[in-house]
Amino acid sequence: MMKSPLFWKVSTLLGCILLLLVPLFMVSNLISERESYRNDVEHSLRQSTSGPQKLVGPLIAIPVTE
């Protein structure tokens, strides 16, 4: 085992960095999941609400008798 104080300081610092990276990756993963869910919902809404649009003007019906 190394008895150098520098070794312990560096190893403690690296350990802290690794421990802090775990929640960072968890939050990053959560953000990705929510973005994916949002995109799925937007796609679903577009498919269900918007279809081909028609432009129809006023229509006059004149009865014809022969």
N, C-alpha and C. Protein backbone atom coordinates (compact mmCIF):
# COMPACT_ATOMS: atom_id res chain seq x y z
N MET A 1 0.84 -1.18 0.00
CA MET A 1 0.00 0.00 0.00
C MET A 1 0.88 1.24 0.00
N MET A 2 0.42 2.24 -0.68
CA MET A 2 1.17 3.48 -0.71
C MET A 2 0.78 4.33 0.49
N LYS A 3 1.75 4.94 1.08
CA LYS A 3 1.49 5.78 2.25
C LYS A 3 1.56 7.27 1.90
N SER A 4 1.69 7.56 0.62
CA SER A 4 1.83 8.95 0.20
C SER A 4 0.51 9.69 0.36
N PRO A 5 0.55 10.88 0.99
CA PRO A 5 -0.69 11.65 1.12
C PRO A 5 -1.24 12.09 -0.23
N LEU A 6 -0.36 12.30 -1.20
CA LEU A 6 -0.81 12.70 -2.53
C LEU A 6 -1.64 11.58 -3.16
N PHE A 7 -1.21 10.35 -2.99
CA PHE A 7 -1.96 9.20 -3.52
C PHE A 7 -3.37 9.17 -2.94
N TRP A 8 -3.49 9.36 -1.64
CA TRP A 8 -4.81 9.31 -0.99
C TRP A 8 -5.68 10.48 -1.42
N LYS A 9 -5.09 11.63 -1.59
CA LYS A 9 -5.86 12.79 -2.04
C LYS A 9 -6.39 12.59 -3.46
N VAL A 10 -5.50 12.10 -4.33
CA VAL A 10 -5.91 11.87 -5.71
C VAL A 10 -6.95 10.77 -5.79
N SER A 11 -6.75 9.68 -5.05
CA SER A 11 -7.72 8.58 -5.09
C SER A 11 -9.06 9.00 -4.50
N THR A 12 -9.05 9.82 -3.45
CA THR A 12 -10.29 10.32 -2.87
C THR A 12 -11.00 11.24 -3.86
N LEU A 13 -10.25 12.08 -4.53
CA LEU A 13 -10.83 12.98 -5.53
C LEU A 13 -11.45 12.19 -6.68
N LEU A 14 -10.75 11.18 -7.17
CA LEU A 14 -11.29 10.35 -8.25
C LEU A 14 -12.54 9.59 -7.79
N GLY A 15 -12.52 9.11 -6.55
CA GLY A 15 -13.70 8.42 -6.01
C GLY A 15 -14.90 9.35 -5.94
N CYS A 16 -14.67 10.58 -5.49
CA CYS A 16 -15.78 11.56 -5.42
C CYS A 16 -16.31 11.88 -6.80
N ILE A 17 -15.40 12.03 -7.76
CA ILE A 17 -15.84 12.32 -9.13
C ILE A 17 -16.69 11.18 -9.67
N LEU A 18 -16.24 9.94 -9.44
CA LEU A 18 -17.02 8.79 -9.92
C LEU A 18 -18.38 8.72 -9.24
N LEU A 19 -18.43 9.01 -7.95
CA LEU A 19 -19.72 8.99 -7.25
C LEU A 19 -20.65 10.08 -7.76
N LEU A 20 -20.11 11.22 -8.15
CA LEU A 20 -20.95 12.30 -8.66
C LEU A 20 -21.38 12.08 -10.10
N LEU A 21 -20.66 11.23 -10.82
CA LEU A 21 -21.04 10.94 -12.20
C LEU A 21 -22.28 10.04 -12.27
N VAL A 22 -22.49 9.22 -11.26
CA VAL A 22 -23.63 8.30 -11.27
C VAL A 22 -24.95 9.06 -11.35
N PRO A 23 -25.23 10.03 -10.45
CA PRO A 23 -26.50 10.76 -10.58
C PRO A 23 -26.57 11.59 -11.86
N LEU A 24 -25.43 12.06 -12.33
CA LEU A 24 -25.42 12.83 -13.57
C LEU A 24 -25.90 11.97 -14.73
N PHE A 25 -25.42 10.74 -14.82
CA PHE A 25 -25.87 9.84 -15.88
C PHE A 25 -27.33 9.44 -15.69
N MET A 26 -27.76 9.31 -14.45
CA MET A 26 -29.16 8.96 -14.20
C MET A 26 -30.08 10.09 -14.66
N VAL A 27 -29.73 11.33 -14.38
CA VAL A 27 -30.54 12.47 -14.80
C VAL A 27 -30.52 12.59 -16.32
N SER A 28 -29.36 12.37 -16.91
CA SER A 28 -29.25 12.43 -18.37
C SER A 28 -30.15 11.38 -19.02
N ASN A 29 -30.18 10.18 -18.45
CA ASN A 29 -31.03 9.11 -18.97
C ASN A 29 -32.50 9.48 -18.81
N LEU A 30 -32.87 10.07 -17.69
CA LEU A 30 -34.25 10.48 -17.46
C LEU A 30 -34.68 11.55 -18.47
N ILE A 31 -33.79 12.49 -18.76
CA ILE A 31 -34.10 13.52 -19.75
C ILE A 31 -34.32 12.89 -21.12
N SER A 32 -33.47 11.93 -21.49
CA SER A 32 -33.64 11.26 -22.80
C SER A 32 -34.97 10.52 -22.87
N GLU A 33 -35.34 9.83 -21.79
CA GLU A 33 -36.61 9.10 -21.77
C GLU A 33 -37.78 10.06 -21.93
N ARG A 34 -37.73 11.19 -21.25
CA ARG A 34 -38.84 12.15 -21.33
C ARG A 34 -38.92 12.79 -22.70
N GLU A 35 -37.77 13.07 -23.32
CA GLU A 35 -37.79 13.62 -24.68
C GLU A 35 -38.39 12.61 -25.65
N SER A 36 -38.04 11.34 -25.47
CA SER A 36 -38.58 10.30 -26.33
C SER A 36 -40.10 10.19 -26.14
N TYR A 37 -40.54 10.22 -24.88
CA TYR A 37 -41.97 10.15 -24.58
C TYR A 37 -42.70 11.35 -25.19
N ARG A 38 -42.11 12.55 -25.07
CA ARG A 38 -42.72 13.75 -25.65
C ARG A 38 -42.85 13.63 -27.16
N ASN A 39 -41.80 13.13 -27.81
CA ASN A 39 -41.85 12.97 -29.26
C ASN A 39 -42.92 11.95 -29.67
N ASP A 40 -43.05 10.87 -28.89
CA ASP A 40 -44.09 9.88 -29.19
C ASP A 40 -45.48 10.48 -29.05
N VAL A 41 -45.69 11.28 -28.01
CA VAL A 41 -46.99 11.91 -27.80
C VAL A 41 -47.29 12.90 -28.91
N GLU A 42 -46.30 13.70 -29.31
CA GLU A 42 -46.51 14.65 -30.41
C GLU A 42 -46.88 13.91 -31.69
N HIS A 43 -46.19 12.83 -31.97
CA HIS A 43 -46.47 12.05 -33.18
C HIS A 43 -47.88 11.46 -33.11
N SER A 44 -48.26 10.95 -31.95
CA SER A 44 -49.59 10.38 -31.78
C SER A 44 -50.67 11.44 -31.97
N LEU A 45 -50.45 12.63 -31.42
CA LEU A 45 -51.44 13.71 -31.57
C LEU A 45 -51.54 14.15 -33.02
N ARG A 46 -50.42 14.22 -33.70
CA ARG A 46 -50.46 14.61 -35.12
C ARG A 46 -51.24 13.59 -35.94
N GLN A 47 -51.05 12.32 -35.65
CA GLN A 47 -51.74 11.28 -36.40
C GLN A 47 -53.23 11.28 -36.12
N SER A 48 -53.63 11.58 -34.88
CA SER A 48 -55.04 11.48 -34.52
C SER A 48 -55.83 12.74 -34.84
N THR A 49 -55.20 13.89 -34.85
CA THR A 49 -55.97 15.13 -35.03
C THR A 49 -55.85 15.74 -36.41
N SER A 50 -54.76 15.56 -37.06
CA SER A 50 -54.62 16.22 -38.36
C SER A 50 -54.69 15.21 -39.47
N GLY A 51 -55.48 15.53 -40.44
CA GLY A 51 -55.60 14.70 -41.62
C GLY A 51 -55.55 15.59 -42.84
N PRO A 52 -55.96 15.05 -43.95
CA PRO A 52 -55.98 15.91 -45.14
C PRO A 52 -57.01 17.02 -44.96
N GLN A 53 -56.63 18.21 -45.35
CA GLN A 53 -57.52 19.35 -45.19
C GLN A 53 -58.23 19.64 -46.50
N LYS A 54 -59.48 20.07 -46.37
CA LYS A 54 -60.28 20.41 -47.54
C LYS A 54 -60.71 21.86 -47.43
N LEU A 55 -60.68 22.55 -48.54
CA LEU A 55 -61.15 23.93 -48.59
C LEU A 55 -62.47 23.92 -49.35
N VAL A 56 -63.55 24.18 -48.62
CA VAL A 56 -64.88 24.14 -49.22
C VAL A 56 -65.51 25.51 -49.04
N GLY A 57 -65.98 26.06 -50.13
CA GLY A 57 -66.64 27.37 -50.08
C GLY A 57 -68.13 27.20 -49.86
N PRO A 58 -68.86 28.30 -49.88
CA PRO A 58 -70.31 28.21 -49.71
C PRO A 58 -70.94 27.46 -50.90
N LEU A 59 -71.94 26.70 -50.61
CA LEU A 59 -72.59 25.87 -51.62
C LEU A 59 -74.05 26.28 -51.69
N ILE A 60 -74.50 26.61 -52.89
CA ILE A 60 -75.90 27.00 -53.08
C ILE A 60 -76.60 25.83 -53.78
N ALA A 61 -77.64 25.35 -53.14
CA ALA A 61 -78.41 24.26 -53.72
C ALA A 61 -79.70 24.83 -54.30
N ILE A 62 -79.86 24.71 -55.60
CA ILE A 62 -81.06 25.21 -56.27
C ILE A 62 -81.85 23.99 -56.73
N PRO A 63 -83.05 23.83 -56.19
CA PRO A 63 -83.85 22.68 -56.62
C PRO A 63 -84.31 22.86 -58.07
N VAL A 64 -84.20 21.79 -58.82
CA VAL A 64 -84.59 21.82 -60.24
C VAL A 64 -85.72 20.82 -60.44
N THR A 65 -86.76 21.27 -61.08
CA THR A 65 -87.86 20.36 -61.42
C THR A 65 -88.03 20.33 -62.93
N GLU A 66 -88.21 19.17 -63.45
CA GLU A 66 -88.40 19.05 -64.91
C GLU A 66 -89.74 18.46 -65.21
